[in-house]
Amino acid sequence: WSWDSDLCQRNVSEFKGIWYYDGDLSAETYIVIDGNGNWSYYQRAPGAEPAEMDCGVFTYSMDEVSTYYADSTMYDGVSYRVFEVDEDSLVWGDEGVYYMME
């Protein structure tokens, strides 16, 4: 855990990796977060290459424990509320649970 706030939020660099919906490596959606907190949301149709649907910057909440925000740089005013369930799982907005698999 990093001491980036009074809430002991993790540093966004600690979320670096590929997060798959429901822990399924072949899931239709997945999220890539880099070591700087930049994220990309990908969606793929069966038999097609993944397409980046959104991207932005991942930040921690200044007033809520285990809460982060994924602010879109593609869409004005769009921000996803992200909850850390445990070290390897995130609830991304209304999407559901994503698990770090890589």
N, C-alpha and C. Protein backbone atom coordinates (compact mmCIF):
# COMPACT_ATOMS: atom_id res chain seq x y z
N TRP A 1 0.84 -1.19 0.00
CA TRP A 1 0.00 0.00 0.00
C TRP A 1 0.87 1.23 0.00
N SER A 2 0.48 2.23 -0.70
CA SER A 2 1.21 3.49 -0.73
C SER A 2 0.46 4.51 0.12
N TRP A 3 1.17 5.40 0.70
CA TRP A 3 0.58 6.41 1.56
C TRP A 3 0.34 7.69 0.77
N ASP A 4 -0.50 7.62 -0.26
CA ASP A 4 -0.77 8.78 -1.11
C ASP A 4 -1.87 9.67 -0.56
N SER A 5 -2.56 9.24 0.48
CA SER A 5 -3.63 10.03 1.09
C SER A 5 -3.83 9.54 2.51
N ASP A 6 -4.65 10.26 3.24
CA ASP A 6 -4.97 9.83 4.60
C ASP A 6 -5.73 8.50 4.60
N LEU A 7 -6.24 8.10 3.47
CA LEU A 7 -7.02 6.87 3.37
C LEU A 7 -6.16 5.66 3.03
N CYS A 8 -4.87 5.85 2.90
CA CYS A 8 -3.94 4.75 2.57
C CYS A 8 -4.27 4.11 1.23
N GLN A 9 -4.63 4.92 0.24
CA GLN A 9 -4.93 4.40 -1.08
C GLN A 9 -3.65 3.86 -1.73
N ARG A 10 -3.82 2.86 -2.56
CA ARG A 10 -2.69 2.34 -3.32
C ARG A 10 -2.29 3.34 -4.38
N ASN A 11 -1.01 3.39 -4.68
CA ASN A 11 -0.52 4.21 -5.77
C ASN A 11 -1.05 3.62 -7.07
N VAL A 12 -1.50 4.47 -8.01
CA VAL A 12 -2.08 3.96 -9.25
C VAL A 12 -1.12 3.09 -10.05
N SER A 13 0.19 3.27 -9.86
CA SER A 13 1.16 2.44 -10.58
C SER A 13 1.05 0.98 -10.17
N GLU A 14 0.50 0.71 -8.99
CA GLU A 14 0.36 -0.67 -8.52
C GLU A 14 -0.75 -1.43 -9.24
N PHE A 15 -1.54 -0.75 -10.05
CA PHE A 15 -2.61 -1.39 -10.80
C PHE A 15 -2.16 -1.78 -12.20
N LYS A 16 -0.89 -1.59 -12.48
CA LYS A 16 -0.35 -1.91 -13.80
C LYS A 16 -0.65 -3.36 -14.15
N GLY A 17 -1.22 -3.57 -15.34
CA GLY A 17 -1.51 -4.91 -15.81
C GLY A 17 -2.72 -4.95 -16.70
N ILE A 18 -3.12 -6.16 -17.03
CA ILE A 18 -4.31 -6.38 -17.86
C ILE A 18 -5.38 -7.00 -16.98
N TRP A 19 -6.53 -6.35 -16.97
CA TRP A 19 -7.66 -6.74 -16.12
C TRP A 19 -8.77 -7.28 -17.01
N TYR A 20 -9.16 -8.54 -16.80
CA TYR A 20 -10.17 -9.19 -17.63
C TYR A 20 -11.50 -9.29 -16.91
N TYR A 21 -12.56 -9.03 -17.65
CA TYR A 21 -13.91 -9.12 -17.09
C TYR A 21 -14.17 -10.53 -16.57
N ASP A 22 -14.60 -10.60 -15.34
CA ASP A 22 -14.97 -11.86 -14.69
C ASP A 22 -13.82 -12.88 -14.66
N GLY A 23 -12.57 -12.40 -14.83
CA GLY A 23 -11.41 -13.29 -14.77
C GLY A 23 -11.26 -14.20 -15.96
N ASP A 24 -11.94 -13.88 -17.05
CA ASP A 24 -11.94 -14.71 -18.25
C ASP A 24 -10.97 -14.13 -19.28
N LEU A 25 -9.89 -14.86 -19.58
CA LEU A 25 -8.88 -14.38 -20.54
C LEU A 25 -9.46 -14.16 -21.95
N SER A 26 -10.58 -14.79 -22.25
CA SER A 26 -11.19 -14.60 -23.57
C SER A 26 -12.43 -13.69 -23.47
N ALA A 27 -12.53 -12.93 -22.39
CA ALA A 27 -13.68 -12.04 -22.18
C ALA A 27 -13.81 -11.03 -23.31
N GLU A 28 -15.03 -10.59 -23.53
CA GLU A 28 -15.31 -9.60 -24.56
C GLU A 28 -14.67 -8.25 -24.24
N THR A 29 -14.52 -7.95 -22.94
CA THR A 29 -13.93 -6.67 -22.54
C THR A 29 -12.76 -6.88 -21.58
N TYR A 30 -11.78 -6.00 -21.69
CA TYR A 30 -10.66 -6.00 -20.75
C TYR A 30 -10.08 -4.60 -20.68
N ILE A 31 -9.33 -4.35 -19.62
CA ILE A 31 -8.78 -3.03 -19.35
C ILE A 31 -7.27 -3.17 -19.15
N VAL A 32 -6.52 -2.28 -19.79
CA VAL A 32 -5.06 -2.26 -19.64
C VAL A 32 -4.70 -0.98 -18.88
N ILE A 33 -3.96 -1.14 -17.78
CA ILE A 33 -3.49 0.02 -17.00
C ILE A 33 -1.97 -0.02 -17.00
N ASP A 34 -1.35 1.11 -17.35
CA ASP A 34 0.12 1.14 -17.36
C ASP A 34 0.65 1.68 -16.03
N GLY A 35 1.95 1.71 -15.88
CA GLY A 35 2.59 2.12 -14.64
C GLY A 35 2.43 3.58 -14.28
N ASN A 36 1.90 4.38 -15.22
CA ASN A 36 1.67 5.80 -14.96
C ASN A 36 0.21 6.11 -14.65
N GLY A 37 -0.63 5.07 -14.63
CA GLY A 37 -2.05 5.27 -14.36
C GLY A 37 -2.88 5.55 -15.60
N ASN A 38 -2.29 5.42 -16.78
CA ASN A 38 -3.07 5.55 -18.02
C ASN A 38 -3.79 4.23 -18.25
N TRP A 39 -5.04 4.31 -18.71
CA TRP A 39 -5.80 3.09 -18.94
C TRP A 39 -6.45 3.13 -20.32
N SER A 40 -6.71 1.93 -20.83
CA SER A 40 -7.45 1.75 -22.09
C SER A 40 -8.46 0.64 -21.89
N TYR A 41 -9.67 0.87 -22.36
CA TYR A 41 -10.76 -0.10 -22.26
C TYR A 41 -10.97 -0.70 -23.65
N TYR A 42 -10.82 -2.01 -23.74
CA TYR A 42 -10.93 -2.70 -25.03
C TYR A 42 -12.16 -3.60 -25.07
N GLN A 43 -12.70 -3.71 -26.26
CA GLN A 43 -13.82 -4.62 -26.49
C GLN A 43 -13.51 -5.41 -27.75
N ARG A 44 -13.87 -6.69 -27.72
CA ARG A 44 -13.63 -7.51 -28.92
C ARG A 44 -14.86 -8.35 -29.21
N ALA A 45 -15.12 -8.47 -30.49
CA ALA A 45 -16.20 -9.34 -30.96
C ALA A 45 -15.57 -10.68 -31.33
N PRO A 46 -16.32 -11.76 -31.27
CA PRO A 46 -15.76 -13.06 -31.63
C PRO A 46 -15.11 -13.03 -33.02
N GLY A 47 -13.87 -13.46 -33.08
CA GLY A 47 -13.13 -13.53 -34.33
C GLY A 47 -12.57 -12.21 -34.81
N ALA A 48 -12.75 -11.14 -34.05
CA ALA A 48 -12.26 -9.82 -34.48
C ALA A 48 -11.13 -9.36 -33.56
N GLU A 49 -10.35 -8.42 -34.04
CA GLU A 49 -9.29 -7.82 -33.24
C GLU A 49 -9.93 -6.91 -32.19
N PRO A 50 -9.31 -6.79 -31.02
CA PRO A 50 -9.85 -5.87 -30.00
C PRO A 50 -9.81 -4.42 -30.48
N ALA A 51 -10.82 -3.65 -30.08
CA ALA A 51 -10.88 -2.24 -30.43
C ALA A 51 -10.88 -1.41 -29.14
N GLU A 52 -10.08 -0.35 -29.12
CA GLU A 52 -10.06 0.53 -27.96
C GLU A 52 -11.34 1.36 -27.97
N MET A 53 -12.15 1.23 -26.91
CA MET A 53 -13.42 1.91 -26.84
C MET A 53 -13.34 3.20 -26.02
N ASP A 54 -12.38 3.26 -25.11
CA ASP A 54 -12.20 4.43 -24.26
C ASP A 54 -10.80 4.38 -23.66
N CYS A 55 -10.33 5.51 -23.18
CA CYS A 55 -9.04 5.55 -22.51
C CYS A 55 -8.99 6.78 -21.62
N GLY A 56 -8.00 6.82 -20.73
CA GLY A 56 -7.90 7.98 -19.86
C GLY A 56 -6.87 7.81 -18.78
N VAL A 57 -7.13 8.47 -17.65
CA VAL A 57 -6.21 8.51 -16.53
C VAL A 57 -6.88 7.94 -15.30
N PHE A 58 -6.16 7.10 -14.58
CA PHE A 58 -6.65 6.43 -13.37
C PHE A 58 -6.11 7.19 -12.17
N THR A 59 -7.00 7.61 -11.26
CA THR A 59 -6.59 8.35 -10.07
C THR A 59 -7.28 7.80 -8.84
N TYR A 60 -6.73 8.09 -7.67
CA TYR A 60 -7.38 7.62 -6.44
C TYR A 60 -8.26 8.71 -5.85
N SER A 61 -9.29 8.29 -5.14
CA SER A 61 -10.20 9.20 -4.47
C SER A 61 -9.49 9.85 -3.28
N MET A 62 -9.80 11.09 -3.04
CA MET A 62 -9.20 11.81 -1.92
C MET A 62 -10.05 11.67 -0.66
N ASP A 63 -11.26 11.08 -0.78
CA ASP A 63 -12.12 11.01 0.39
C ASP A 63 -12.88 9.70 0.58
N GLU A 64 -12.60 8.69 -0.24
CA GLU A 64 -13.28 7.40 -0.10
C GLU A 64 -12.26 6.27 -0.14
N VAL A 65 -12.31 5.40 0.85
CA VAL A 65 -11.40 4.26 0.94
C VAL A 65 -11.66 3.29 -0.21
N SER A 66 -10.58 2.76 -0.78
CA SER A 66 -10.64 1.75 -1.85
C SER A 66 -11.44 2.20 -3.06
N THR A 67 -11.47 3.50 -3.30
CA THR A 67 -12.22 4.05 -4.42
C THR A 67 -11.27 4.84 -5.32
N TYR A 68 -11.43 4.64 -6.62
CA TYR A 68 -10.59 5.28 -7.61
C TYR A 68 -11.48 5.82 -8.71
N TYR A 69 -10.92 6.62 -9.59
CA TYR A 69 -11.67 7.15 -10.72
C TYR A 69 -10.88 6.94 -12.00
N ALA A 70 -11.59 6.54 -13.03
CA ALA A 70 -11.00 6.38 -14.35
C ALA A 70 -11.61 7.47 -15.22
N ASP A 71 -10.90 8.58 -15.34
CA ASP A 71 -11.39 9.73 -16.10
C ASP A 71 -11.06 9.55 -17.57
N SER A 72 -12.08 9.63 -18.40
CA SER A 72 -11.92 9.45 -19.84
C SER A 72 -11.28 10.67 -20.48
N THR A 73 -10.36 10.40 -21.42
CA THR A 73 -9.81 11.49 -22.23
C THR A 73 -10.46 11.48 -23.62
N MET A 74 -11.23 10.44 -23.91
CA MET A 74 -11.94 10.35 -25.19
C MET A 74 -13.29 11.07 -25.15
N TYR A 75 -13.94 11.01 -24.00
CA TYR A 75 -15.29 11.54 -23.87
C TYR A 75 -15.35 12.58 -22.75
N ASP A 76 -15.73 13.79 -23.11
CA ASP A 76 -15.83 14.89 -22.14
C ASP A 76 -16.79 14.55 -21.00
N GLY A 77 -16.35 14.78 -19.78
CA GLY A 77 -17.21 14.62 -18.62
C GLY A 77 -17.47 13.18 -18.18
N VAL A 78 -16.83 12.20 -18.82
CA VAL A 78 -17.04 10.80 -18.45
C VAL A 78 -15.97 10.35 -17.46
N SER A 79 -16.43 9.81 -16.35
CA SER A 79 -15.53 9.28 -15.33
C SER A 79 -16.18 8.04 -14.74
N TYR A 80 -15.42 6.96 -14.68
CA TYR A 80 -15.93 5.71 -14.12
C TYR A 80 -15.47 5.61 -12.67
N ARG A 81 -16.38 5.27 -11.79
CA ARG A 81 -16.02 5.05 -10.39
C ARG A 81 -15.56 3.61 -10.27
N VAL A 82 -14.38 3.42 -9.71
CA VAL A 82 -13.76 2.10 -9.63
C VAL A 82 -13.52 1.76 -8.16
N PHE A 83 -13.95 0.57 -7.76
CA PHE A 83 -13.77 0.11 -6.39
C PHE A 83 -12.78 -1.04 -6.36
N GLU A 84 -11.86 -1.00 -5.46
CA GLU A 84 -10.93 -2.11 -5.29
C GLU A 84 -11.55 -3.12 -4.33
N VAL A 85 -11.82 -4.32 -4.82
CA VAL A 85 -12.41 -5.36 -3.99
C VAL A 85 -11.32 -6.03 -3.18
N ASP A 86 -10.26 -6.41 -3.84
CA ASP A 86 -9.05 -6.91 -3.18
C ASP A 86 -7.89 -6.61 -4.12
N GLU A 87 -6.73 -7.12 -3.81
CA GLU A 87 -5.53 -6.78 -4.58
C GLU A 87 -5.61 -7.12 -6.06
N ASP A 88 -6.39 -8.12 -6.42
CA ASP A 88 -6.45 -8.57 -7.81
C ASP A 88 -7.81 -8.39 -8.46
N SER A 89 -8.70 -7.57 -7.88
CA SER A 89 -10.00 -7.39 -8.51
C SER A 89 -10.52 -5.97 -8.30
N LEU A 90 -11.15 -5.46 -9.37
CA LEU A 90 -11.72 -4.11 -9.38
C LEU A 90 -13.14 -4.17 -9.91
N VAL A 91 -14.03 -3.39 -9.31
CA VAL A 91 -15.36 -3.19 -9.87
C VAL A 91 -15.28 -1.89 -10.65
N TRP A 92 -15.46 -1.98 -11.96
CA TRP A 92 -15.27 -0.85 -12.88
C TRP A 92 -16.63 -0.28 -13.23
N GLY A 93 -17.01 0.83 -12.60
CA GLY A 93 -18.30 1.47 -12.87
C GLY A 93 -19.44 0.48 -12.70
N ASP A 94 -20.32 0.46 -13.68
CA ASP A 94 -21.45 -0.48 -13.68
C ASP A 94 -21.12 -1.74 -14.46
N GLU A 95 -19.89 -1.84 -14.95
CA GLU A 95 -19.49 -2.95 -15.82
C GLU A 95 -19.44 -4.30 -15.11
N GLY A 96 -18.99 -4.32 -13.88
CA GLY A 96 -18.82 -5.58 -13.16
C GLY A 96 -17.39 -5.71 -12.67
N VAL A 97 -17.02 -6.94 -12.31
CA VAL A 97 -15.71 -7.17 -11.69
C VAL A 97 -14.68 -7.58 -12.74
N TYR A 98 -13.53 -6.92 -12.66
CA TYR A 98 -12.39 -7.25 -13.52
C TYR A 98 -11.27 -7.78 -12.63
N TYR A 99 -10.59 -8.80 -13.11
CA TYR A 99 -9.51 -9.43 -12.36
C TYR A 99 -8.20 -9.27 -13.11
N MET A 100 -7.13 -8.97 -12.37
CA MET A 100 -5.82 -8.88 -13.00
C MET A 100 -5.34 -10.30 -13.28
N MET A 101 -5.10 -10.58 -14.53
CA MET A 101 -4.70 -11.92 -14.94
C MET A 101 -3.29 -11.93 -15.49
N GLU A 102 -2.73 -10.78 -15.83
CA GLU A 102 -1.38 -10.71 -16.40
C GLU A 102 -0.63 -9.57 -15.76
